[in-house]
Amino acid sequence: MLSHNYRVRLESICSRIVRGEEVSLSDMVWAEKLAAHNQHAARLLRQARRRVDTPDMVEGDLDDFMNQLDLGGTGSDARGVRGFENPSDLYDWFRREDKDTDEWRRRD
């Protein structure tokens, strides 16, 4: 449970994120630290980031419903892009068997 002051401050930060306004580094550090220790704060940040990632989200549509339920990823997780876990993954990526074209190198 967030205190009233923490919740108001976090909601202010989230609304600035959604509107595309500048958020100070100290506010983002504070919000990320709070989100690391509080699930409700983490959910509010994820929802704000999903709204930024989906600008055509309309209240009542499926994207909005999924966002309210806090389902789905944010950023590269939502697009299915994964990073490399270790150097051997990177090596394997460039040593693929289907080298007849350069299409396999695209990460999108």
PDB file of N, CA and C in Angstrom:
ATOM      1  N   MET A   1       0.844  -1.176   0.000  1.00  0.00           N
ATOM      2  CA  MET A   1       0.000   0.000   0.000  1.00  0.00           C
ATOM      3  C   MET A   1       0.892   1.244   0.000  1.00  0.00           C
ATOM      4  N   LEU A   2       0.572   2.167  -0.878  1.00  0.00           N
ATOM      5  CA  LEU A   2       1.330   3.411  -0.953  1.00  0.00           C
ATOM      6  C   LEU A   2       0.691   4.467  -0.059  1.00  0.00           C
ATOM      7  N   SER A   3       1.525   5.289   0.537  1.00  0.00           N
ATOM      8  CA  SER A   3       0.983   6.405   1.298  1.00  0.00           C
ATOM      9  C   SER A   3       0.365   7.408   0.322  1.00  0.00           C
ATOM     10  N   HIS A   4      -0.453   8.260   0.829  1.00  0.00           N
ATOM     11  CA  HIS A   4      -1.131   9.249  -0.013  1.00  0.00           C
ATOM     12  C   HIS A   4      -0.121  10.108  -0.775  1.00  0.00           C
ATOM     13  N   ASN A   5       0.891  10.606  -0.089  1.00  0.00           N
ATOM     14  CA  ASN A   5       1.880  11.483  -0.727  1.00  0.00           C
ATOM     15  C   ASN A   5       2.680  10.751  -1.802  1.00  0.00           C
ATOM     16  N   TYR A   6       3.073   9.500  -1.524  1.00  0.00           N
ATOM     17  CA  TYR A   6       3.816   8.713  -2.511  1.00  0.00           C
ATOM     18  C   TYR A   6       2.949   8.444  -3.746  1.00  0.00           C
ATOM     19  N   ARG A   7       1.690   8.078  -3.519  1.00  0.00           N
ATOM     20  CA  ARG A   7       0.795   7.772  -4.631  1.00  0.00           C
ATOM     21  C   ARG A   7       0.571   9.005  -5.500  1.00  0.00           C
ATOM     22  N   VAL A   8       0.345  10.157  -4.892  1.00  0.00           N
ATOM     23  CA  VAL A   8       0.122  11.391  -5.647  1.00  0.00           C
ATOM     24  C   VAL A   8       1.368  11.754  -6.454  1.00  0.00           C
ATOM     25  N   ARG A   9       2.537  11.633  -5.835  1.00  0.00           N
ATOM     26  CA  ARG A   9       3.776  11.959  -6.545  1.00  0.00           C
ATOM     27  C   ARG A   9       3.995  10.997  -7.711  1.00  0.00           C
ATOM     28  N   LEU A  10       3.762   9.702  -7.490  1.00  0.00           N
ATOM     29  CA  LEU A  10       3.950   8.712  -8.551  1.00  0.00           C
ATOM     30  C   LEU A  10       2.936   8.923  -9.674  1.00  0.00           C
ATOM     31  N   GLU A  11       1.693   9.218  -9.348  1.00  0.00           N
ATOM     32  CA  GLU A  11       0.693   9.462 -10.379  1.00  0.00           C
ATOM     33  C   GLU A  11       1.039  10.698 -11.197  1.00  0.00           C
ATOM     34  N   SER A  12       1.624  11.696 -10.567  1.00  0.00           N
ATOM     35  CA  SER A  12       2.070  12.881 -11.287  1.00  0.00           C
ATOM     36  C   SER A  12       3.184  12.520 -12.276  1.00  0.00           C
ATOM     37  N   ILE A  13       4.111  11.710 -11.842  1.00  0.00           N
ATOM     38  CA  ILE A  13       5.205  11.272 -12.711  1.00  0.00           C
ATOM     39  C   ILE A  13       4.647  10.451 -13.875  1.00  0.00           C
ATOM     40  N   CYS A  14       3.728   9.537 -13.574  1.00  0.00           N
ATOM     41  CA  CYS A  14       3.139   8.692 -14.617  1.00  0.00           C
ATOM     42  C   CYS A  14       2.357   9.520 -15.632  1.00  0.00           C
ATOM     43  N   SER A  15       1.631  10.515 -15.174  1.00  0.00           N
ATOM     44  CA  SER A  15       0.871  11.351 -16.106  1.00  0.00           C
ATOM     45  C   SER A  15       1.809  12.156 -16.999  1.00  0.00           C
ATOM     46  N   ARG A  16       2.939  12.599 -16.463  1.00  0.00           N
ATOM     47  CA  ARG A  16       3.926  13.299 -17.300  1.00  0.00           C
ATOM     48  C   ARG A  16       4.532  12.350 -18.325  1.00  0.00           C
ATOM     49  N   ILE A  17       4.758  11.102 -17.938  1.00  0.00           N
ATOM     50  CA  ILE A  17       5.277  10.105 -18.879  1.00  0.00           C
ATOM     51  C   ILE A  17       4.290   9.918 -20.018  1.00  0.00           C
ATOM     52  N   VAL A  18       3.010   9.761 -19.689  1.00  0.00           N
ATOM     53  CA  VAL A  18       1.977   9.526 -20.705  1.00  0.00           C
ATOM     54  C   VAL A  18       1.851  10.722 -21.642  1.00  0.00           C
ATOM     55  N   ARG A  19       1.920  11.931 -21.107  1.00  0.00           N
ATOM     56  CA  ARG A  19       1.787  13.135 -21.933  1.00  0.00           C
ATOM     57  C   ARG A  19       3.068  13.455 -22.710  1.00  0.00           C
ATOM     58  N   GLY A  20       4.142  12.738 -22.445  1.00  0.00           N
ATOM     59  CA  GLY A  20       5.391  12.975 -23.156  1.00  0.00           C
ATOM     60  C   GLY A  20       6.157  14.172 -22.638  1.00  0.00           C
ATOM     61  N   GLU A  21       5.851  14.598 -21.439  1.00  0.00           N
ATOM     62  CA  GLU A  21       6.541  15.735 -20.848  1.00  0.00           C
ATOM     63  C   GLU A  21       7.840  15.277 -20.196  1.00  0.00           C
ATOM     64  N   GLU A  22       8.700  16.234 -19.924  1.00  0.00           N
ATOM     65  CA  GLU A  22       9.985  15.925 -19.305  1.00  0.00           C
ATOM     66  C   GLU A  22       9.788  15.509 -17.845  1.00  0.00           C
ATOM     67  N   VAL A  23      10.468  14.435 -17.477  1.00  0.00           N
ATOM     68  CA  VAL A  23      10.472  13.959 -16.092  1.00  0.00           C
ATOM     69  C   VAL A  23      11.920  14.011 -15.622  1.00  0.00           C
ATOM     70  N   SER A  24      12.146  14.644 -14.504  1.00  0.00           N
ATOM     71  CA  SER A  24      13.523  14.806 -14.033  1.00  0.00           C
ATOM     72  C   SER A  24      14.135  13.447 -13.680  1.00  0.00           C
ATOM     73  N   LEU A  25      15.437  13.403 -13.750  1.00  0.00           N
ATOM     74  CA  LEU A  25      16.154  12.174 -13.428  1.00  0.00           C
ATOM     75  C   LEU A  25      15.902  11.763 -11.982  1.00  0.00           C
ATOM     76  N   SER A  26      15.884  12.720 -11.086  1.00  0.00           N
ATOM     77  CA  SER A  26      15.661  12.383  -9.677  1.00  0.00           C
ATOM     78  C   SER A  26      14.264  11.787  -9.467  1.00  0.00           C
ATOM     79  N   ASP A  27      13.260  12.300 -10.194  1.00  0.00           N
ATOM     80  CA  ASP A  27      11.915  11.731 -10.092  1.00  0.00           C
ATOM     81  C   ASP A  27      11.876  10.308 -10.648  1.00  0.00           C
ATOM     82  N   MET A  28      12.555  10.074 -11.772  1.00  0.00           N
ATOM     83  CA  MET A  28      12.555   8.730 -12.353  1.00  0.00           C
ATOM     84  C   MET A  28      13.304   7.740 -11.466  1.00  0.00           C
ATOM     85  N   VAL A  29      14.407   8.173 -10.882  1.00  0.00           N
ATOM     86  CA  VAL A  29      15.141   7.299  -9.964  1.00  0.00           C
ATOM     87  C   VAL A  29      14.270   6.963  -8.764  1.00  0.00           C
ATOM     88  N   TRP A  30      13.584   7.960  -8.239  1.00  0.00           N
ATOM     89  CA  TRP A  30      12.694   7.731  -7.107  1.00  0.00           C
ATOM     90  C   TRP A  30      11.584   6.748  -7.479  1.00  0.00           C
ATOM     91  N   ALA A  31      10.975   6.960  -8.652  1.00  0.00           N
ATOM     92  CA  ALA A  31       9.871   6.096  -9.091  1.00  0.00           C
ATOM     93  C   ALA A  31      10.349   4.670  -9.325  1.00  0.00           C
ATOM     94  N   GLU A  32      11.510   4.504  -9.931  1.00  0.00           N
ATOM     95  CA  GLU A  32      12.034   3.160 -10.190  1.00  0.00           C
ATOM     96  C   GLU A  32      12.381   2.436  -8.888  1.00  0.00           C
ATOM     97  N   LYS A  33      12.967   3.159  -7.936  1.00  0.00           N
ATOM     98  CA  LYS A  33      13.273   2.540  -6.642  1.00  0.00           C
ATOM     99  C   LYS A  33      11.991   2.143  -5.918  1.00  0.00           C
ATOM    100  N   LEU A  34      10.997   3.007  -5.974  1.00  0.00           N
ATOM    101  CA  LEU A  34       9.719   2.687  -5.354  1.00  0.00           C
ATOM    102  C   LEU A  34       9.092   1.476  -6.027  1.00  0.00           C
ATOM    103  N   ALA A  35       9.138   1.429  -7.353  1.00  0.00           N
ATOM    104  CA  ALA A  35       8.559   0.315  -8.100  1.00  0.00           C
ATOM    105  C   ALA A  35       9.293  -0.996  -7.822  1.00  0.00           C
ATOM    106  N   ALA A  36      10.567  -0.907  -7.532  1.00  0.00           N
ATOM    107  CA  ALA A  36      11.327  -2.125  -7.232  1.00  0.00           C
ATOM    108  C   ALA A  36      10.889  -2.752  -5.911  1.00  0.00           C
ATOM    109  N   HIS A  37      10.311  -1.949  -5.030  1.00  0.00           N
ATOM    110  CA  HIS A  37       9.929  -2.447  -3.710  1.00  0.00           C
ATOM    111  C   HIS A  37       8.429  -2.477  -3.469  1.00  0.00           C
ATOM    112  N   ASN A  38       7.646  -1.981  -4.424  1.00  0.00           N
ATOM    113  CA  ASN A  38       6.203  -1.920  -4.228  1.00  0.00           C
ATOM    114  C   ASN A  38       5.497  -2.325  -5.521  1.00  0.00           C
ATOM    115  N   GLN A  39       4.704  -3.379  -5.486  1.00  0.00           N
ATOM    116  CA  GLN A  39       4.043  -3.899  -6.680  1.00  0.00           C
ATOM    117  C   GLN A  39       3.025  -2.920  -7.259  1.00  0.00           C
ATOM    118  N   HIS A  40       2.340  -2.202  -6.414  1.00  0.00           N
ATOM    119  CA  HIS A  40       1.359  -1.231  -6.908  1.00  0.00           C
ATOM    120  C   HIS A  40       2.054  -0.116  -7.693  1.00  0.00           C
ATOM    121  N   ALA A  41       3.173   0.355  -7.192  1.00  0.00           N
ATOM    122  CA  ALA A  41       3.934   1.391  -7.891  1.00  0.00           C
ATOM    123  C   ALA A  41       4.468   0.850  -9.220  1.00  0.00           C
ATOM    124  N   ALA A  42       4.939  -0.388  -9.215  1.00  0.00           N
ATOM    125  CA  ALA A  42       5.441  -0.994 -10.447  1.00  0.00           C
ATOM    126  C   ALA A  42       4.327  -1.110 -11.488  1.00  0.00           C
ATOM    127  N   ARG A  43       3.121  -1.472 -11.033  1.00  0.00           N
ATOM    128  CA  ARG A  43       1.981  -1.591 -11.942  1.00  0.00           C
ATOM    129  C   ARG A  43       1.635  -0.234 -12.552  1.00  0.00           C
ATOM    130  N   LEU A  44       1.649   0.829 -11.750  1.00  0.00           N
ATOM    131  CA  LEU A  44       1.344   2.155 -12.276  1.00  0.00           C
ATOM    132  C   LEU A  44       2.357   2.592 -13.332  1.00  0.00           C
ATOM    133  N   LEU A  45       3.631   2.314 -13.105  1.00  0.00           N
ATOM    134  CA  LEU A  45       4.656   2.668 -14.099  1.00  0.00           C
ATOM    135  C   LEU A  45       4.495   1.861 -15.372  1.00  0.00           C
ATOM    136  N   ARG A  46       4.220   0.551 -15.238  1.00  0.00           N
ATOM    137  CA  ARG A  46       4.027  -0.281 -16.435  1.00  0.00           C
ATOM    138  C   ARG A  46       2.829   0.204 -17.245  1.00  0.00           C
ATOM    139  N   GLN A  47       1.748   0.550 -16.570  1.00  0.00           N
ATOM    140  CA  GLN A  47       0.560   1.033 -17.266  1.00  0.00           C
ATOM    141  C   GLN A  47       0.839   2.341 -18.005  1.00  0.00           C
ATOM    142  N   ALA A  48       1.595   3.225 -17.389  1.00  0.00           N
ATOM    143  CA  ALA A  48       1.950   4.489 -18.052  1.00  0.00           C
ATOM    144  C   ALA A  48       2.812   4.216 -19.282  1.00  0.00           C
ATOM    145  N   ARG A  49       3.743   3.307 -19.163  1.00  0.00           N
ATOM    146  CA  ARG A  49       4.622   2.998 -20.303  1.00  0.00           C
ATOM    147  C   ARG A  49       3.854   2.315 -21.428  1.00  0.00           C
ATOM    148  N   ARG A  50       2.878   1.469 -21.080  1.00  0.00           N
ATOM    149  CA  ARG A  50       2.051   0.846 -22.117  1.00  0.00           C
ATOM    150  C   ARG A  50       1.226   1.894 -22.856  1.00  0.00           C
ATOM    151  N   ARG A  51       0.749   2.902 -22.141  1.00  0.00           N
ATOM    152  CA  ARG A  51      -0.013   3.973 -22.794  1.00  0.00           C
ATOM    153  C   ARG A  51       0.874   4.729 -23.782  1.00  0.00           C
ATOM    154  N   VAL A  52       2.128   4.925 -23.437  1.00  0.00           N
ATOM    155  CA  VAL A  52       3.067   5.590 -24.350  1.00  0.00           C
ATOM    156  C   VAL A  52       3.338   4.703 -25.559  1.00  0.00           C
ATOM    157  N   ASP A  53       3.512   3.395 -25.327  1.00  0.00           N
ATOM    158  CA  ASP A  53       3.796   2.461 -26.414  1.00  0.00           C
ATOM    159  C   ASP A  53       2.603   2.271 -27.342  1.00  0.00           C
ATOM    160  N   THR A  54       1.391   2.533 -26.852  1.00  0.00           N
ATOM    161  CA  THR A  54       0.174   2.356 -27.645  1.00  0.00           C
ATOM    162  C   THR A  54      -0.587   3.678 -27.673  1.00  0.00           C
ATOM    163  N   PRO A  55      -0.146   4.622 -28.514  1.00  0.00           N
ATOM    164  CA  PRO A  55      -0.768   5.955 -28.508  1.00  0.00           C
ATOM    165  C   PRO A  55      -2.217   5.956 -28.983  1.00  0.00           C
ATOM    166  N   ASP A  56      -2.624   4.938 -29.752  1.00  0.00           N
ATOM    167  CA  ASP A  56      -4.001   4.899 -30.238  1.00  0.00           C
ATOM    168  C   ASP A  56      -4.935   4.159 -29.282  1.00  0.00           C
ATOM    169  N   MET A  57      -4.489   3.916 -28.043  1.00  0.00           N
ATOM    170  CA  MET A  57      -5.316   3.246 -27.046  1.00  0.00           C
ATOM    171  C   MET A  57      -6.501   4.149 -26.689  1.00  0.00           C
ATOM    172  N   VAL A  58      -7.687   3.591 -26.778  1.00  0.00           N
ATOM    173  CA  VAL A  58      -8.911   4.323 -26.477  1.00  0.00           C
ATOM    174  C   VAL A  58      -9.570   3.672 -25.269  1.00  0.00           C
ATOM    175  N   GLU A  59     -10.135   4.488 -24.405  1.00  0.00           N
ATOM    176  CA  GLU A  59     -10.791   3.954 -23.226  1.00  0.00           C
ATOM    177  C   GLU A  59     -11.920   3.008 -23.646  1.00  0.00           C
ATOM    178  N   GLY A  60     -11.881   1.789 -23.112  1.00  0.00           N
ATOM    179  CA  GLY A  60     -12.907   0.800 -23.409  1.00  0.00           C
ATOM    180  C   GLY A  60     -12.517  -0.207 -24.473  1.00  0.00           C
ATOM    181  N   ASP A  61     -11.409   0.024 -25.206  1.00  0.00           N
ATOM    182  CA  ASP A  61     -11.014  -0.961 -26.210  1.00  0.00           C
ATOM    183  C   ASP A  61     -10.191  -2.073 -25.573  1.00  0.00           C
ATOM    184  N   LEU A  62      -9.800  -3.049 -26.364  1.00  0.00           N
ATOM    185  CA  LEU A  62      -9.096  -4.216 -25.839  1.00  0.00           C
ATOM    186  C   LEU A  62      -7.741  -3.838 -25.235  1.00  0.00           C
ATOM    187  N   ASP A  63      -7.009  -2.921 -25.881  1.00  0.00           N
ATOM    188  CA  ASP A  63      -5.719  -2.498 -25.331  1.00  0.00           C
ATOM    189  C   ASP A  63      -5.883  -1.860 -23.952  1.00  0.00           C
ATOM    190  N   ASP A  64      -6.897  -1.039 -23.814  1.00  0.00           N
ATOM    191  CA  ASP A  64      -7.161  -0.400 -22.528  1.00  0.00           C
ATOM    192  C   ASP A  64      -7.539  -1.446 -21.480  1.00  0.00           C
ATOM    193  N   PHE A  65      -8.355  -2.411 -21.866  1.00  0.00           N
ATOM    194  CA  PHE A  65      -8.751  -3.489 -20.954  1.00  0.00           C
ATOM    195  C   PHE A  65      -7.533  -4.279 -20.489  1.00  0.00           C
ATOM    196  N   MET A  66      -6.660  -4.638 -21.436  1.00  0.00           N
ATOM    197  CA  MET A  66      -5.446  -5.375 -21.088  1.00  0.00           C
ATOM    198  C   MET A  66      -4.536  -4.541 -20.189  1.00  0.00           C
ATOM    199  N   ASN A  67      -4.459  -3.250 -20.453  1.00  0.00           N
ATOM    200  CA  ASN A  67      -3.632  -2.369 -19.638  1.00  0.00           C
ATOM    201  C   ASN A  67      -4.184  -2.253 -18.220  1.00  0.00           C
ATOM    202  N   GLN A  68      -5.499  -2.150 -18.096  1.00  0.00           N
ATOM    203  CA  GLN A  68      -6.096  -2.063 -16.771  1.00  0.00           C
ATOM    204  C   GLN A  68      -5.877  -3.340 -15.969  1.00  0.00           C
ATOM    205  N   LEU A  69      -5.818  -4.473 -16.672  1.00  0.00           N
ATOM    206  CA  LEU A  69      -5.543  -5.744 -15.997  1.00  0.00           C
ATOM    207  C   LEU A  69      -4.046  -5.964 -15.780  1.00  0.00           C
ATOM    208  N   ASP A  70      -3.228  -5.040 -16.296  1.00  0.00           N
ATOM    209  CA  ASP A  70      -1.774  -5.111 -16.198  1.00  0.00           C
ATOM    210  C   ASP A  70      -1.240  -6.361 -16.889  1.00  0.00           C
ATOM    211  N   LEU A  71      -1.786  -6.644 -18.073  1.00  0.00           N
ATOM    212  CA  LEU A  71      -1.345  -7.785 -18.862  1.00  0.00           C
ATOM    213  C   LEU A  71      -0.557  -7.293 -20.059  1.00  0.00           C
ATOM    214  N   GLY A  72       0.486  -8.012 -20.393  1.00  0.00           N
ATOM    215  CA  GLY A  72       1.309  -7.647 -21.530  1.00  0.00           C
ATOM    216  C   GLY A  72       2.577  -6.955 -21.076  1.00  0.00           C
ATOM    217  N   GLY A  73       3.550  -6.976 -21.951  1.00  0.00           N
ATOM    218  CA  GLY A  73       4.836  -6.383 -21.622  1.00  0.00           C
ATOM    219  C   GLY A  73       4.910  -4.917 -21.994  1.00  0.00           C
ATOM    220  N   THR A  74       6.050  -4.345 -21.725  1.00  0.00           N
ATOM    221  CA  THR A  74       6.316  -2.960 -22.105  1.00  0.00           C
ATOM    222  C   THR A  74       7.610  -2.929 -22.892  1.00  0.00           C
ATOM    223  N   GLY A  75       7.739  -1.943 -23.744  1.00  0.00           N
ATOM    224  CA  GLY A  75       8.972  -1.766 -24.500  1.00  0.00           C
ATOM    225  C   GLY A  75       9.279  -2.951 -25.386  1.00  0.00           C
ATOM    226  N   SER A  76      10.516  -3.420 -25.353  1.00  0.00           N
ATOM    227  CA  SER A  76      10.925  -4.519 -26.215  1.00  0.00           C
ATOM    228  C   SER A  76      10.257  -5.829 -25.823  1.00  0.00           C
ATOM    229  N   ASP A  77       9.850  -5.989 -24.566  1.00  0.00           N
ATOM    230  CA  ASP A  77       9.123  -7.191 -24.161  1.00  0.00           C
ATOM    231  C   ASP A  77       7.795  -7.298 -24.901  1.00  0.00           C
ATOM    232  N   ALA A  78       7.130  -6.202 -25.106  1.00  0.00           N
ATOM    233  CA  ALA A  78       5.838  -6.218 -25.794  1.00  0.00           C
ATOM    234  C   ALA A  78       6.004  -6.572 -27.258  1.00  0.00           C
ATOM    235  N   ARG A  79       7.133  -6.210 -27.853  1.00  0.00           N
ATOM    236  CA  ARG A  79       7.374  -6.502 -29.254  1.00  0.00           C
ATOM    237  C   ARG A  79       8.014  -7.872 -29.457  1.00  0.00           C
ATOM    238  N   GLY A  80       8.298  -8.582 -28.379  1.00  0.00           N
ATOM    239  CA  GLY A  80       8.868  -9.916 -28.495  1.00  0.00           C
ATOM    240  C   GLY A  80      10.358  -9.929 -28.771  1.00  0.00           C
ATOM    241  N   VAL A  81      11.021  -8.811 -28.576  1.00  0.00           N
ATOM    242  CA  VAL A  81      12.464  -8.741 -28.802  1.00  0.00           C
ATOM    243  C   VAL A  81      13.158  -9.129 -27.513  1.00  0.00           C
ATOM    244  N   ARG A  82      14.044 -10.065 -27.602  1.00  0.00           N
ATOM    245  CA  ARG A  82      14.759 -10.475 -26.403  1.00  0.00           C
ATOM    246  C   ARG A  82      16.241 -10.171 -26.580  1.00  0.00           C
ATOM    247  N   GLY A  83      16.903  -9.969 -25.493  1.00  0.00           N
ATOM    248  CA  GLY A  83      18.333  -9.701 -25.533  1.00  0.00           C
ATOM    249  C   GLY A  83      19.127 -10.996 -25.468  1.00  0.00           C
ATOM    250  N   PHE A  84      20.409 -10.874 -25.532  1.00  0.00           N
ATOM    251  CA  PHE A  84      21.281 -12.034 -25.429  1.00  0.00           C
ATOM    252  C   PHE A  84      21.639 -12.253 -23.968  1.00  0.00           C
ATOM    253  N   GLU A  85      21.542 -13.481 -23.518  1.00  0.00           N
ATOM    254  CA  GLU A  85      21.824 -13.808 -22.126  1.00  0.00           C
ATOM    255  C   GLU A  85      23.320 -13.937 -21.857  1.00  0.00           C
ATOM    256  N   ASN A  86      24.067 -14.402 -22.850  1.00  0.00           N
ATOM    257  CA  ASN A  86      25.505 -14.592 -22.659  1.00  0.00           C
ATOM    258  C   ASN A  86      26.207 -14.519 -24.014  1.00  0.00           C
ATOM    259  N   PRO A  87      27.522 -14.470 -24.033  1.00  0.00           N
ATOM    260  CA  PRO A  87      28.248 -14.341 -25.307  1.00  0.00           C
ATOM    261  C   PRO A  87      27.996 -15.493 -26.281  1.00  0.00           C
ATOM    262  N   SER A  88      27.736 -16.688 -25.779  1.00  0.00           N
ATOM    263  CA  SER A  88      27.504 -17.805 -26.702  1.00  0.00           C
ATOM    264  C   SER A  88      26.197 -17.615 -27.483  1.00  0.00           C
ATOM    265  N   ASP A  89      25.186 -16.946 -26.892  1.00  0.00           N
ATOM    266  CA  ASP A  89      23.962 -16.648 -27.629  1.00  0.00           C
ATOM    267  C   ASP A  89      24.253 -15.719 -28.804  1.00  0.00           C
ATOM    268  N   LEU A  90      25.079 -14.719 -28.559  1.00  0.00           N
ATOM    269  CA  LEU A  90      25.460 -13.794 -29.619  1.00  0.00           C
ATOM    270  C   LEU A  90      26.224 -14.530 -30.713  1.00  0.00           C
ATOM    271  N   TYR A  91      27.129 -15.396 -30.334  1.00  0.00           N
ATOM    272  CA  TYR A  91      27.887 -16.189 -31.296  1.00  0.00           C
ATOM    273  C   TYR A  91      26.943 -17.054 -32.130  1.00  0.00           C
ATOM    274  N   ASP A  92      26.015 -17.719 -31.477  1.00  0.00           N
ATOM    275  CA  ASP A  92      25.063 -18.585 -32.181  1.00  0.00           C
ATOM    276  C   ASP A  92      24.191 -17.785 -33.145  1.00  0.00           C
ATOM    277  N   TRP A  93      23.848 -16.564 -32.767  1.00  0.00           N
ATOM    278  CA  TRP A  93      23.014 -15.727 -33.624  1.00  0.00           C
ATOM    279  C   TRP A  93      23.695 -15.466 -34.964  1.00  0.00           C
ATOM    280  N   PHE A  94      25.003 -15.210 -34.947  1.00  0.00           N
ATOM    281  CA  PHE A  94      25.717 -14.904 -36.175  1.00  0.00           C
ATOM    282  C   PHE A  94      26.263 -16.136 -36.876  1.00  0.00           C
ATOM    283  N   ARG A  95      26.115 -17.292 -36.305  1.00  0.00           N
ATOM    284  CA  ARG A  95      26.554 -18.540 -36.926  1.00  0.00           C
ATOM    285  C   ARG A  95      25.371 -19.392 -37.368  1.00  0.00           C
ATOM    286  N   ARG A  96      24.323 -18.767 -37.779  1.00  0.00           N
ATOM    287  CA  ARG A  96      23.135 -19.503 -38.199  1.00  0.00           C
ATOM    288  C   ARG A  96      23.393 -20.253 -39.491  1.00  0.00           C
ATOM    289  N   GLU A  97      22.615 -21.285 -39.727  1.00  0.00           N
ATOM    290  CA  GLU A  97      22.791 -22.135 -40.904  1.00  0.00           C
ATOM    291  C   GLU A  97      22.191 -21.526 -42.172  1.00  0.00           C
ATOM    292  N   ASP A  98      21.192 -20.684 -42.052  1.00  0.00           N
ATOM    293  CA  ASP A  98      20.525 -20.118 -43.232  1.00  0.00           C
ATOM    294  C   ASP A  98      21.206 -18.831 -43.684  1.00  0.00           C
ATOM    295  N   LYS A  99      22.438 -18.954 -44.145  1.00  0.00           N
ATOM    296  CA  LYS A  99      23.242 -17.789 -44.508  1.00  0.00           C
ATOM    297  C   LYS A  99      23.108 -17.406 -45.978  1.00  0.00           C
ATOM    298  N   ASP A 100      22.133 -17.968 -46.696  1.00  0.00           N
ATOM    299  CA  ASP A 100      22.005 -17.661 -48.114  1.00  0.00           C
ATOM    300  C   ASP A 100      21.599 -16.214 -48.372  1.00  0.00           C
ATOM    301  N   THR A 101      20.956 -15.570 -47.408  1.00  0.00           N
ATOM    302  CA  THR A 101      20.613 -14.147 -47.535  1.00  0.00           C
ATOM    303  C   THR A 101      21.009 -13.427 -46.252  1.00  0.00           C
ATOM    304  N   ASP A 102      20.979 -12.117 -46.310  1.00  0.00           N
ATOM    305  CA  ASP A 102      21.286 -11.324 -45.120  1.00  0.00           C
ATOM    306  C   ASP A 102      20.048 -11.045 -44.278  1.00  0.00           C
ATOM    307  N   GLU A 103      18.892 -11.559 -44.678  1.00  0.00           N
ATOM    308  CA  GLU A 103      17.658 -11.300 -43.949  1.00  0.00           C
ATOM    309  C   GLU A 103      17.694 -11.820 -42.528  1.00  0.00           C
ATOM    310  N   TRP A 104      18.425 -12.876 -42.263  1.00  0.00           N
ATOM    311  CA  TRP A 104      18.437 -13.489 -40.928  1.00  0.00           C
ATOM    312  C   TRP A 104      19.062 -12.576 -39.904  1.00  0.00           C
ATOM    313  N   ARG A 105      19.830 -11.555 -40.325  1.00  0.00           N
ATOM    314  CA  ARG A 105      20.501 -10.675 -39.368  1.00  0.00           C
ATOM    315  C   ARG A 105      19.580  -9.617 -38.789  1.00  0.00           C
ATOM    316  N   ARG A 106      18.428  -9.419 -39.377  1.00  0.00           N
ATOM    317  CA  ARG A 106      17.513  -8.395 -38.882  1.00  0.00           C
ATOM    318  C   ARG A 106      16.919  -8.827 -37.563  1.00  0.00           C
ATOM    319  N   ARG A 107      16.876  -7.907 -36.591  1.00  0.00           N
ATOM    320  CA  ARG A 107      16.380  -8.215 -35.251  1.00  0.00           C
ATOM    321  C   ARG A 107      14.933  -7.793 -35.037  1.00  0.00           C
ATOM    322  N   ASP A 108      14.287  -7.215 -36.029  1.00  0.00           N
ATOM    323  CA  ASP A 108      12.909  -6.767 -35.809  1.00  0.00           C
ATOM    324  C   ASP A 108      12.008  -7.865 -36.163  1.00  0.00           C
TER     325      ASP A 108
END
